[in-house]
Amino acid sequence: MKSVQQRARSLFDRWLTRRIPAAARMTLSHRQIFIVPTRAGLALLLLLLIMLIGAINYQNSLVYGVTFLLGSLFWVSLHHTYRNLASLEVHAAGSSPVFAGEMAPLDLNLLAPRHEHQALVFSWPDAQSRQIDIERNGESRITLYYPSSKRGWLKPGRLRIETRYPLGWFVAWSLVDLDWQVLVYPRAISLPLPALALGGEGETEQLLAEGTDDFQGLRDYQPGDSRRRLDWRAYSRGQGLHSKVFAEPAGTTHWLDLAHTPGADMEQRLSHLAGWVMQLEQAGQPYGLQVGETRIDPGIGVQHRDRCLRTLALFGSGQ
């Protein structure tokens, strides 16, 4: 039985991929929308059938009228439920990296070019749903959250968009694949920083950052350089326009090496490195990273931090 279910699920997924392919932007139409009666709708149909049999049996005009009136409302609600979802434009607006175990935020832009949309519900099977209304010609940006469990690229899968408006007798839904990808960093574990790594001959490495203390030399002039740092003497001798470069120590460098990181397994060691990266970044201390064959020179700053965390997140994945 389990193999039959897996086979059926595989066939359905392939059919769904052909019918609703992955795209960053999508407009819902009859090809992407499915609609069926809800339990309330099926109960109403059963009630209408009983009322119709009773009206035929007793030839009661009033029961005929009520039956046909409710049947008409049932039919009209079918079209209104479908219309409430049709022509909605959905656009994946991006996502931000998170650490494993956090809720990954995924931004979604919604546009209603033809008419308003009421009581739209967005959800994944393992995530909390979100309901929203959109006015005609309106645009709305919402953030959905999906749980992350392990490092690497997270693909939430197909997003379910549904509505039961206006009477709840039908549910119209679509399963859209917006081709989302969220980078998940290893879970950051806070541990005491390792002993300061030493340079080649047993001396601690130091970085030099741009400053005002020590004169380091000259470099070609670049637009935006301060006039106070221009070497006017060299310029007057016809040697071109150069800027003076000064530097000051930026702090002692920490080297983070996966090979010398403690941990029960690889994931725990990567988590320790992620925690140290965050600690050193917050402390403003330069750090370098050695993970396998990948070596990142010492530095500091948001871009350097993100590069190190990305390396840890994708280690061993071949990306």
C-alpha atoms as a PDB file:
ATOM      1  CA  MET A   1       0.000   0.000   0.000  1.00  0.00           C
ATOM      2  CA  LYS A   2       2.832   2.394   0.844  1.00  0.00           C
ATOM      3  CA  SER A   3       4.515   1.826  -2.517  1.00  0.00           C
ATOM      4  CA  VAL A   4       1.211   2.475  -4.303  1.00  0.00           C
ATOM      5  CA  GLN A   5       0.800   5.749  -2.435  1.00  0.00           C
ATOM      6  CA  GLN A   6       4.342   6.813  -3.290  1.00  0.00           C
ATOM      7  CA  ARG A   7       3.754   5.942  -6.948  1.00  0.00           C
ATOM      8  CA  ALA A   8       0.522   7.919  -7.022  1.00  0.00           C
ATOM      9  CA  ARG A   9       2.207  10.855  -5.311  1.00  0.00           C
ATOM     10  CA  SER A  10       5.036  10.797  -7.840  1.00  0.00           C
ATOM     11  CA  LEU A  11       2.602  10.768 -10.769  1.00  0.00           C
ATOM     12  CA  PHE A  12       0.631  13.654  -9.251  1.00  0.00           C
ATOM     13  CA  ASP A  13       3.795  15.710  -8.697  1.00  0.00           C
ATOM     14  CA  ARG A  14       4.889  15.226 -12.308  1.00  0.00           C
ATOM     15  CA  TRP A  15       1.442  16.187 -13.574  1.00  0.00           C
ATOM     16  CA  LEU A  16       1.404  19.240 -11.307  1.00  0.00           C
ATOM     17  CA  THR A  17       4.862  20.290 -12.542  1.00  0.00           C
ATOM     18  CA  ARG A  18       3.636  20.236 -16.135  1.00  0.00           C
ATOM     19  CA  ARG A  19       0.424  22.086 -15.317  1.00  0.00           C
ATOM     20  CA  ILE A  20       1.917  24.684 -12.929  1.00  0.00           C
ATOM     21  CA  PRO A  21       5.667  24.989 -13.650  1.00  0.00           C
ATOM     22  CA  ALA A  22       8.005  26.878 -11.344  1.00  0.00           C
ATOM     23  CA  ALA A  23       8.178  30.631 -11.915  1.00  0.00           C
ATOM     24  CA  ALA A  24       9.182  33.683  -9.897  1.00  0.00           C
ATOM     25  CA  ARG A  25       6.027  35.510 -11.018  1.00  0.00           C
ATOM     26  CA  MET A  26       2.610  34.044 -11.773  1.00  0.00           C
ATOM     27  CA  THR A  27      -0.943  35.146 -12.588  1.00  0.00           C
ATOM     28  CA  LEU A  28      -3.621  32.708 -11.418  1.00  0.00           C
ATOM     29  CA  SER A  29      -6.074  31.526 -14.040  1.00  0.00           C
ATOM     30  CA  HIS A  30      -8.267  28.495 -14.726  1.00  0.00           C
ATOM     31  CA  ARG A  31      -5.147  26.439 -15.445  1.00  0.00           C
ATOM     32  CA  GLN A  32      -3.725  26.998 -11.965  1.00  0.00           C
ATOM     33  CA  ILE A  33      -6.951  27.017  -9.917  1.00  0.00           C
ATOM     34  CA  PHE A  34      -8.801  23.976  -8.547  1.00  0.00           C
ATOM     35  CA  ILE A  35     -12.204  24.131  -6.848  1.00  0.00           C
ATOM     36  CA  VAL A  36     -14.370  21.590  -4.992  1.00  0.00           C
ATOM     37  CA  PRO A  37     -17.281  21.780  -2.520  1.00  0.00           C
ATOM     38  CA  THR A  38     -16.432  21.961   1.167  1.00  0.00           C
ATOM     39  CA  ARG A  39     -18.103  19.799   3.811  1.00  0.00           C
ATOM     40  CA  ALA A  40     -20.678  22.532   4.269  1.00  0.00           C
ATOM     41  CA  GLY A  41     -21.277  22.551   0.515  1.00  0.00           C
ATOM     42  CA  LEU A  42     -21.715  18.771   0.371  1.00  0.00           C
ATOM     43  CA  ALA A  43     -24.098  18.913   3.325  1.00  0.00           C
ATOM     44  CA  LEU A  44     -26.113  21.575   1.495  1.00  0.00           C
ATOM     45  CA  LEU A  45     -26.265  19.399  -1.615  1.00  0.00           C
ATOM     46  CA  LEU A  46     -27.577  16.495   0.455  1.00  0.00           C
ATOM     47  CA  LEU A  47     -30.145  18.785   2.061  1.00  0.00           C
ATOM     48  CA  LEU A  48     -31.254  20.077  -1.350  1.00  0.00           C
ATOM     49  CA  LEU A  49     -31.652  16.518  -2.616  1.00  0.00           C
ATOM     50  CA  ILE A  50     -33.840  15.603   0.393  1.00  0.00           C
ATOM     51  CA  MET A  51     -35.897  18.789  -0.048  1.00  0.00           C
ATOM     52  CA  LEU A  52     -36.356  18.090  -3.773  1.00  0.00           C
ATOM     53  CA  ILE A  53     -37.570  14.542  -3.085  1.00  0.00           C
ATOM     54  CA  GLY A  54     -39.981  15.881  -0.485  1.00  0.00           C
ATOM     55  CA  ALA A  55     -41.258  18.595  -2.843  1.00  0.00           C
ATOM     56  CA  ILE A  56     -41.842  16.035  -5.599  1.00  0.00           C
ATOM     57  CA  ASN A  57     -43.550  13.643  -3.194  1.00  0.00           C
ATOM     58  CA  TYR A  58     -45.888  16.237  -1.672  1.00  0.00           C
ATOM     59  CA  GLN A  59     -46.091  18.594  -4.662  1.00  0.00           C
ATOM     60  CA  ASN A  60     -45.347  21.536  -2.366  1.00  0.00           C
ATOM     61  CA  SER A  61     -44.640  24.730  -4.346  1.00  0.00           C
ATOM     62  CA  LEU A  62     -43.041  26.493  -1.369  1.00  0.00           C
ATOM     63  CA  VAL A  63     -40.503  23.699  -0.891  1.00  0.00           C
ATOM     64  CA  TYR A  64     -39.825  23.790  -4.655  1.00  0.00           C
ATOM     65  CA  GLY A  65     -39.130  27.516  -4.439  1.00  0.00           C
ATOM     66  CA  VAL A  66     -36.785  27.228  -1.442  1.00  0.00           C
ATOM     67  CA  THR A  67     -34.940  24.307  -3.057  1.00  0.00           C
ATOM     68  CA  PHE A  68     -34.395  26.122  -6.344  1.00  0.00           C
ATOM     69  CA  LEU A  69     -33.407  29.345  -4.550  1.00  0.00           C
ATOM     70  CA  LEU A  70     -30.748  27.588  -2.462  1.00  0.00           C
ATOM     71  CA  GLY A  71     -29.595  25.672  -5.530  1.00  0.00           C
ATOM     72  CA  SER A  72     -29.156  28.943  -7.416  1.00  0.00           C
ATOM     73  CA  LEU A  73     -27.151  30.418  -4.545  1.00  0.00           C
ATOM     74  CA  PHE A  74     -25.012  27.278  -4.518  1.00  0.00           C
ATOM     75  CA  TRP A  75     -24.275  27.645  -8.238  1.00  0.00           C
ATOM     76  CA  VAL A  76     -23.558  31.379  -7.997  1.00  0.00           C
ATOM     77  CA  SER A  77     -21.209  30.882  -5.034  1.00  0.00           C
ATOM     78  CA  LEU A  78     -19.172  28.485  -7.195  1.00  0.00           C
ATOM     79  CA  HIS A  79     -18.396  31.272  -9.676  1.00  0.00           C
ATOM     80  CA  HIS A  80     -17.758  33.895  -6.994  1.00  0.00           C
ATOM     81  CA  THR A  81     -15.336  31.620  -5.125  1.00  0.00           C
ATOM     82  CA  TYR A  82     -13.398  30.965  -8.327  1.00  0.00           C
ATOM     83  CA  ARG A  83     -13.447  34.664  -9.251  1.00  0.00           C
ATOM     84  CA  ASN A  84     -12.066  35.614  -5.851  1.00  0.00           C
ATOM     85  CA  LEU A  85      -8.830  33.771  -6.689  1.00  0.00           C
ATOM     86  CA  ALA A  86      -8.633  34.321 -10.445  1.00  0.00           C
ATOM     87  CA  SER A  87      -6.370  37.055 -11.906  1.00  0.00           C
ATOM     88  CA  LEU A  88      -4.351  37.386  -8.685  1.00  0.00           C
ATOM     89  CA  GLU A  89      -0.695  38.127  -9.441  1.00  0.00           C
ATOM     90  CA  VAL A  90       1.916  36.651  -7.093  1.00  0.00           C
ATOM     91  CA  HIS A  91       5.589  37.541  -7.214  1.00  0.00           C
ATOM     92  CA  ALA A  92       8.389  36.100  -5.084  1.00  0.00           C
ATOM     93  CA  ALA A  93      10.241  39.134  -3.695  1.00  0.00           C
ATOM     94  CA  GLY A  94      13.221  37.358  -2.148  1.00  0.00           C
ATOM     95  CA  SER A  95      14.342  36.056   1.216  1.00  0.00           C
ATOM     96  CA  SER A  96      17.039  36.593   3.841  1.00  0.00           C
ATOM     97  CA  PRO A  97      19.519  34.002   5.166  1.00  0.00           C
ATOM     98  CA  VAL A  98      18.786  32.514   8.584  1.00  0.00           C
ATOM     99  CA  PHE A  99      20.447  30.169  11.037  1.00  0.00           C
ATOM    100  CA  ALA A 100      19.234  26.575  11.296  1.00  0.00           C
ATOM    101  CA  GLY A 101      16.267  26.333  13.621  1.00  0.00           C
ATOM    102  CA  GLU A 102      14.978  29.835  12.866  1.00  0.00           C
ATOM    103  CA  MET A 103      11.903  30.760  10.843  1.00  0.00           C
ATOM    104  CA  ALA A 104      12.932  31.707   7.314  1.00  0.00           C
ATOM    105  CA  PRO A 105      11.201  34.905   6.089  1.00  0.00           C
ATOM    106  CA  LEU A 106       9.971  34.843   2.492  1.00  0.00           C
ATOM    107  CA  ASP A 107       8.620  38.052   0.961  1.00  0.00           C
ATOM    108  CA  LEU A 108       5.671  37.932  -1.425  1.00  0.00           C
ATOM    109  CA  ASN A 109       4.212  40.708  -3.581  1.00  0.00           C
ATOM    110  CA  LEU A 110       0.502  40.497  -4.415  1.00  0.00           C
ATOM    111  CA  LEU A 111      -1.301  42.536  -7.080  1.00  0.00           C
ATOM    112  CA  ALA A 112      -5.026  42.777  -7.856  1.00  0.00           C
ATOM    113  CA  PRO A 113      -5.294  44.398 -11.317  1.00  0.00           C
ATOM    114  CA  ARG A 114      -8.941  43.505 -12.064  1.00  0.00           C
ATOM    115  CA  HIS A 115     -10.936  43.248  -8.845  1.00  0.00           C
ATOM    116  CA  GLU A 116     -10.611  42.915  -5.085  1.00  0.00           C
ATOM    117  CA  HIS A 117      -9.700  39.627  -3.393  1.00  0.00           C
ATOM    118  CA  GLN A 118     -11.153  38.716  -0.023  1.00  0.00           C
ATOM    119  CA  ALA A 119     -10.001  36.255   2.654  1.00  0.00           C
ATOM    120  CA  LEU A 120      -7.030  34.781   0.797  1.00  0.00           C
ATOM    121  CA  VAL A 121      -5.102  32.228   2.857  1.00  0.00           C
ATOM    122  CA  PHE A 122      -1.417  31.414   2.199  1.00  0.00           C
ATOM    123  CA  SER A 123       0.158  28.358   3.792  1.00  0.00           C
ATOM    124  CA  TRP A 124       2.590  25.452   3.644  1.00  0.00           C
ATOM    125  CA  PRO A 125       1.839  22.099   5.276  1.00  0.00           C
ATOM    126  CA  ASP A 126       4.402  22.668   8.056  1.00  0.00           C
ATOM    127  CA  ALA A 127       4.008  26.416   8.535  1.00  0.00           C
ATOM    128  CA  GLN A 128       1.506  28.837  10.017  1.00  0.00           C
ATOM    129  CA  SER A 129      -1.030  30.227   7.543  1.00  0.00           C
ATOM    130  CA  ARG A 130      -1.565  33.910   6.748  1.00  0.00           C
ATOM    131  CA  GLN A 131      -4.837  35.548   5.643  1.00  0.00           C
ATOM    132  CA  ILE A 132      -5.065  38.821   3.725  1.00  0.00           C
ATOM    133  CA  ASP A 133      -7.478  41.014   1.727  1.00  0.00           C
ATOM    134  CA  ILE A 134      -6.424  43.044  -1.331  1.00  0.00           C
ATOM    135  CA  GLU A 135      -8.331  45.992  -2.797  1.00  0.00           C
ATOM    136  CA  ARG A 136      -8.882  46.463  -6.508  1.00  0.00           C
ATOM    137  CA  ASN A 137      -5.784  47.875  -8.257  1.00  0.00           C
ATOM    138  CA  GLY A 138      -4.005  47.446  -4.947  1.00  0.00           C
ATOM    139  CA  GLU A 139      -0.620  45.991  -4.186  1.00  0.00           C
ATOM    140  CA  SER A 140       0.364  44.294  -0.974  1.00  0.00           C
ATOM    141  CA  ARG A 141       3.640  42.883   0.331  1.00  0.00           C
ATOM    142  CA  ILE A 142       3.510  40.173   2.946  1.00  0.00           C
ATOM    143  CA  THR A 143       6.139  38.064   4.686  1.00  0.00           C
ATOM    144  CA  LEU A 144       5.574  34.365   5.139  1.00  0.00           C
ATOM    145  CA  TYR A 145       7.644  32.212   7.489  1.00  0.00           C
ATOM    146  CA  TYR A 146       8.875  28.689   6.933  1.00  0.00           C
ATOM    147  CA  PRO A 147      10.716  26.594   9.555  1.00  0.00           C
ATOM    148  CA  SER A 148      14.339  25.683   8.824  1.00  0.00           C
ATOM    149  CA  SER A 149      15.968  22.601  10.304  1.00  0.00           C
ATOM    150  CA  LYS A 150      19.361  22.087   8.645  1.00  0.00           C
ATOM    151  CA  ARG A 151      22.018  24.142   6.905  1.00  0.00           C
ATOM    152  CA  GLY A 152      22.261  24.582   3.144  1.00  0.00           C
ATOM    153  CA  TRP A 153      19.690  25.675   0.603  1.00  0.00           C
ATOM    154  CA  LEU A 154      16.108  25.492   1.833  1.00  0.00           C
ATOM    155  CA  LYS A 155      13.348  25.057  -0.748  1.00  0.00           C
ATOM    156  CA  PRO A 156       9.906  25.464   0.879  1.00  0.00           C
ATOM    157  CA  GLY A 157       8.077  23.755  -1.965  1.00  0.00           C
ATOM    158  CA  ARG A 158       4.706  24.693  -3.388  1.00  0.00           C
ATOM    159  CA  LEU A 159       2.762  27.437  -1.652  1.00  0.00           C
ATOM    160  CA  ARG A 160      -0.968  26.806  -1.205  1.00  0.00           C
ATOM    161  CA  ILE A 161      -3.220  29.794  -1.893  1.00  0.00           C
ATOM    162  CA  GLU A 162      -6.885  29.196  -1.106  1.00  0.00           C
ATOM    163  CA  THR A 163     -10.160  30.963  -0.493  1.00  0.00           C
ATOM    164  CA  ARG A 164     -13.638  29.974   0.737  1.00  0.00           C
ATOM    165  CA  TYR A 165     -15.178  33.370   0.160  1.00  0.00           C
ATOM    166  CA  PRO A 166     -18.056  34.294   0.059  1.00  0.00           C
ATOM    167  CA  LEU A 167     -20.266  31.560   1.599  1.00  0.00           C
ATOM    168  CA  GLY A 168     -17.835  28.794   2.471  1.00  0.00           C
ATOM    169  CA  TRP A 169     -19.607  26.231   0.299  1.00  0.00           C
ATOM    170  CA  PHE A 170     -16.602  25.869  -2.031  1.00  0.00           C
ATOM    171  CA  VAL A 171     -12.856  25.992  -1.586  1.00  0.00           C
ATOM    172  CA  ALA A 172     -10.730  27.226  -4.486  1.00  0.00           C
ATOM    173  CA  TRP A 173      -6.986  26.747  -4.252  1.00  0.00           C
ATOM    174  CA  SER A 174      -3.763  26.758  -6.212  1.00  0.00           C
ATOM    175  CA  LEU A 175      -0.358  25.197  -5.554  1.00  0.00           C
ATOM    176  CA  VAL A 176       2.234  27.609  -6.910  1.00  0.00           C
ATOM    177  CA  ASP A 177       5.969  26.992  -7.082  1.00  0.00           C
ATOM    178  CA  LEU A 178       7.675  30.385  -6.833  1.00  0.00           C
ATOM    179  CA  ASP A 179      11.155  28.849  -7.024  1.00  0.00           C
ATOM    180  CA  TRP A 180      12.160  30.170  -3.598  1.00  0.00           C
ATOM    181  CA  GLN A 181      15.578  29.382  -2.134  1.00  0.00           C
ATOM    182  CA  VAL A 182      16.701  30.375   1.338  1.00  0.00           C
ATOM    183  CA  LEU A 183      20.296  30.037   2.502  1.00  0.00           C
ATOM    184  CA  VAL A 184      20.387  28.448   5.960  1.00  0.00           C
ATOM    185  CA  TYR A 185      23.552  28.922   8.022  1.00  0.00           C
ATOM    186  CA  PRO A 186      24.648  26.306  10.594  1.00  0.00           C
ATOM    187  CA  ARG A 187      23.084  26.730  13.997  1.00  0.00           C
ATOM    188  CA  ALA A 188      25.360  29.162  15.858  1.00  0.00           C
ATOM    189  CA  ILE A 189      26.580  27.631  19.133  1.00  0.00           C
ATOM    190  CA  SER A 190      28.199  30.025  21.601  1.00  0.00           C
ATOM    191  CA  LEU A 191      31.459  28.714  23.049  1.00  0.00           C
ATOM    192  CA  PRO A 192      34.515  30.470  24.499  1.00  0.00           C
ATOM    193  CA  LEU A 193      36.735  31.723  21.694  1.00  0.00           C
ATOM    194  CA  PRO A 194      39.648  29.458  20.802  1.00  0.00           C
ATOM    195  CA  ALA A 195      43.202  30.396  21.695  1.00  0.00           C
ATOM    196  CA  LEU A 196      44.608  33.107  19.473  1.00  0.00           C
ATOM    197  CA  ALA A 197      45.985  31.604  16.295  1.00  0.00           C
ATOM    198  CA  LEU A 198      49.682  32.262  15.627  1.00  0.00           C
ATOM    199  CA  GLY A 199      51.350  33.356  12.426  1.00  0.00           C
ATOM    200  CA  GLY A 200      54.048  31.545  10.518  1.00  0.00           C
ATOM    201  CA  GLU A 201      56.950  31.991  12.987  1.00  0.00           C
ATOM    202  CA  GLY A 202      54.999  32.026  16.204  1.00  0.00           C
ATOM    203  CA  GLU A 203      54.040  35.702  16.068  1.00  0.00           C
ATOM    204  CA  THR A 204      50.465  36.850  16.140  1.00  0.00           C
ATOM    205  CA  GLU A 205      49.199  38.246  12.847  1.00  0.00           C
ATOM    206  CA  GLN A 206      47.903  41.769  12.702  1.00  0.00           C
ATOM    207  CA  LEU A 207      45.812  43.484  10.063  1.00  0.00           C
ATOM    208  CA  LEU A 208      46.329  47.050   8.994  1.00  0.00           C
ATOM    209  CA  ALA A 209      43.240  49.137   8.381  1.00  0.00           C
ATOM    210  CA  GLU A 210      43.091  52.544   6.761  1.00  0.00           C
ATOM    211  CA  GLY A 211      43.788  55.204   9.362  1.00  0.00           C
ATOM    212  CA  THR A 212      45.869  58.282  10.150  1.00  0.00           C
ATOM    213  CA  ASP A 213      48.870  57.004  12.117  1.00  0.00           C
ATOM    214  CA  ASP A 214      51.554  55.288  10.029  1.00  0.00           C
ATOM    215  CA  PHE A 215      52.540  56.374   6.516  1.00  0.00           C
ATOM    216  CA  GLN A 216      52.513  53.320   4.228  1.00  0.00           C
ATOM    217  CA  GLY A 217      53.270  54.815   0.817  1.00  0.00           C
ATOM    218  CA  LEU A 218      51.576  56.268  -2.247  1.00  0.00           C
ATOM    219  CA  ARG A 219      48.884  55.031  -4.574  1.00  0.00           C
ATOM    220  CA  ASP A 220      47.253  56.431  -7.686  1.00  0.00           C
ATOM    221  CA  TYR A 221      44.651  59.106  -7.070  1.00  0.00           C
ATOM    222  CA  GLN A 222      41.063  57.902  -6.978  1.00  0.00           C
ATOM    223  CA  PRO A 223      37.985  60.144  -7.194  1.00  0.00           C
ATOM    224  CA  GLY A 224      36.833  60.979  -3.698  1.00  0.00           C
ATOM    225  CA  ASP A 225      40.274  60.995  -2.058  1.00  0.00           C
ATOM    226  CA  SER A 226      40.793  63.824   0.422  1.00  0.00           C
ATOM    227  CA  ARG A 227      42.828  66.745  -0.913  1.00  0.00           C
ATOM    228  CA  ARG A 228      44.780  66.762   2.337  1.00  0.00           C
ATOM    229  CA  ARG A 229      46.299  63.398   1.410  1.00  0.00           C
ATOM    230  CA  LEU A 230      47.371  64.333  -2.127  1.00  0.00           C
ATOM    231  CA  ASP A 231      51.121  64.407  -2.775  1.00  0.00           C
ATOM    232  CA  TRP A 232      51.383  67.866  -4.324  1.00  0.00           C
ATOM    233  CA  ARG A 233      55.187  67.774  -4.418  1.00  0.00           C
ATOM    234  CA  ALA A 234      55.236  64.730  -6.667  1.00  0.00           C
ATOM    235  CA  TYR A 235      52.532  66.317  -8.804  1.00  0.00           C
ATOM    236  CA  SER A 236      54.593  69.514  -9.207  1.00  0.00           C
ATOM    237  CA  ARG A 237      57.540  67.420 -10.398  1.00  0.00           C
ATOM    238  CA  GLY A 238      55.344  65.920 -13.117  1.00  0.00           C
ATOM    239  CA  GLN A 239      55.117  62.468 -11.534  1.00  0.00           C
ATOM    240  CA  GLY A 240      51.326  62.368 -11.654  1.00  0.00           C
ATOM    241  CA  LEU A 241      48.711  62.745  -8.960  1.00  0.00           C
ATOM    242  CA  HIS A 242      49.019  60.338  -6.039  1.00  0.00           C
ATOM    243  CA  SER A 243      47.415  59.962  -2.636  1.00  0.00           C
ATOM    244  CA  LYS A 244      49.227  59.256   0.597  1.00  0.00           C
ATOM    245  CA  VAL A 245      48.218  56.034   2.358  1.00  0.00           C
ATOM    246  CA  PHE A 246      48.216  55.789   6.153  1.00  0.00           C
ATOM    247  CA  ALA A 247      47.363  52.734   8.241  1.00  0.00           C
ATOM    248  CA  GLU A 248      46.854  51.691  11.808  1.00  0.00           C
ATOM    249  CA  PRO A 249      46.595  48.240  13.451  1.00  0.00           C
ATOM    250  CA  ALA A 250      43.090  46.832  13.125  1.00  0.00           C
ATOM    251  CA  GLY A 251      43.475  44.256  15.872  1.00  0.00           C
ATOM    252  CA  THR A 252      44.964  40.822  16.356  1.00  0.00           C
ATOM    253  CA  THR A 253      43.743  38.211  13.892  1.00  0.00           C
ATOM    254  CA  HIS A 254      41.959  35.015  14.917  1.00  0.00           C
ATOM    255  CA  TRP A 255      42.219  32.046  12.579  1.00  0.00           C
ATOM    256  CA  LEU A 256      39.258  29.671  12.631  1.00  0.00           C
ATOM    257  CA  ASP A 257      40.113  26.233  11.272  1.00  0.00           C
ATOM    258  CA  LEU A 258      37.599  23.418  10.866  1.00  0.00           C
ATOM    259  CA  ALA A 259      40.350  20.837  11.333  1.00  0.00           C
ATOM    260  CA  HIS A 260      41.067  22.129  14.850  1.00  0.00           C
ATOM    261  CA  THR A 261      37.473  22.772  15.919  1.00  0.00           C
ATOM    262  CA  PRO A 262      36.012  20.515  18.637  1.00  0.00           C
ATOM    263  CA  GLY A 263      32.698  18.750  18.197  1.00  0.00           C
ATOM    264  CA  ALA A 264      30.996  15.376  18.224  1.00  0.00           C
ATOM    265  CA  ASP A 265      30.304  15.454  14.480  1.00  0.00           C
ATOM    266  CA  MET A 266      30.752  17.667  11.444  1.00  0.00           C
ATOM    267  CA  GLU A 267      27.510  19.606  11.965  1.00  0.00           C
ATOM    268  CA  GLN A 268      28.438  20.483  15.538  1.00  0.00           C
ATOM    269  CA  ARG A 269      31.903  21.641  14.478  1.00  0.00           C
ATOM    270  CA  LEU A 270      30.397  23.872  11.794  1.00  0.00           C
ATOM    271  CA  SER A 271      27.989  25.248  14.381  1.00  0.00           C
ATOM    272  CA  HIS A 272      30.911  26.104  16.664  1.00  0.00           C
ATOM    273  CA  LEU A 273      32.611  27.953  13.809  1.00  0.00           C
ATOM    274  CA  ALA A 274      29.425  29.878  13.038  1.00  0.00           C
ATOM    275  CA  GLY A 275      29.172  30.899  16.686  1.00  0.00           C
ATOM    276  CA  TRP A 276      32.787  32.093  16.732  1.00  0.00           C
ATOM    277  CA  VAL A 277      32.280  34.078  13.528  1.00  0.00           C
ATOM    278  CA  MET A 278      29.358  35.918  15.123  1.00  0.00           C
ATOM    279  CA  GLN A 279      31.265  36.545  18.372  1.00  0.00           C
ATOM    280  CA  LEU A 280      34.340  37.942  16.612  1.00  0.00           C
ATOM    281  CA  GLU A 281      32.221  40.099  14.313  1.00  0.00           C
ATOM    282  CA  GLN A 282      30.329  41.584  17.243  1.00  0.00           C
ATOM    283  CA  ALA A 283      33.610  42.183  19.104  1.00  0.00           C
ATOM    284  CA  GLY A 284      35.128  43.907  16.078  1.00  0.00           C
ATOM    285  CA  GLN A 285      38.115  41.537  15.926  1.00  0.00           C
ATOM    286  CA  PRO A 286      39.475  40.440  12.527  1.00  0.00           C
ATOM    287  CA  TYR A 287      39.285  36.738  11.727  1.00  0.00           C
ATOM    288  CA  GLY A 288      40.122  34.328   8.944  1.00  0.00           C
ATOM    289  CA  LEU A 289      38.528  30.993   8.083  1.00  0.00           C
ATOM    290  CA  GLN A 290      39.922  27.691   6.864  1.00  0.00           C
ATOM    291  CA  VAL A 291      37.311  25.076   5.927  1.00  0.00           C
ATOM    292  CA  GLY A 292      38.647  22.107   4.033  1.00  0.00           C
ATOM    293  CA  GLU A 293      40.378  23.475   0.942  1.00  0.00           C
ATOM    294  CA  THR A 294      38.609  26.813   1.193  1.00  0.00           C
ATOM    295  CA  ARG A 295      40.596  29.599   2.782  1.00  0.00           C
ATOM    296  CA  ILE A 296      39.187  33.064   3.484  1.00  0.00           C
ATOM    297  CA  ASP A 297      41.754  35.718   4.319  1.00  0.00           C
ATOM    298  CA  PRO A 298      41.345  37.656   7.565  1.00  0.00           C
ATOM    299  CA  GLY A 299      38.935  40.546   7.549  1.00  0.00           C
ATOM    300  CA  ILE A 300      35.956  42.082   9.261  1.00  0.00           C
ATOM    301  CA  GLY A 301      32.619  43.548   8.258  1.00  0.00           C
ATOM    302  CA  VAL A 302      29.188  42.402   7.123  1.00  0.00           C
ATOM    303  CA  GLN A 303      30.345  41.153   3.718  1.00  0.00           C
ATOM    304  CA  HIS A 304      33.216  39.190   5.259  1.00  0.00           C
ATOM    305  CA  ARG A 305      30.885  37.700   7.883  1.00  0.00           C
ATOM    306  CA  ASP A 306      28.312  36.663   5.256  1.00  0.00           C
ATOM    307  CA  ARG A 307      31.009  35.125   3.085  1.00  0.00           C
ATOM    308  CA  CYS A 308      32.286  33.029   5.992  1.00  0.00           C
ATOM    309  CA  LEU A 309      28.792  31.915   7.018  1.00  0.00           C
ATOM    310  CA  ARG A 310      27.910  31.055   3.422  1.00  0.00           C
ATOM    311  CA  THR A 311      31.030  28.909   3.187  1.00  0.00           C
ATOM    312  CA  LEU A 312      30.017  27.080   6.355  1.00  0.00           C
ATOM    313  CA  ALA A 313      26.429  26.646   5.143  1.00  0.00           C
ATOM    314  CA  LEU A 314      27.409  25.104   1.791  1.00  0.00           C
ATOM    315  CA  PHE A 315      30.400  23.060   2.984  1.00  0.00           C
ATOM    316  CA  GLY A 316      30.217  19.559   1.548  1.00  0.00           C
ATOM    317  CA  SER A 317      27.300  20.328  -0.772  1.00  0.00           C
ATOM    318  CA  GLY A 318      29.419  20.922  -3.872  1.00  0.00           C
ATOM    319  CA  GLN A 319      28.006  24.441  -4.394  1.00  0.00           C
END
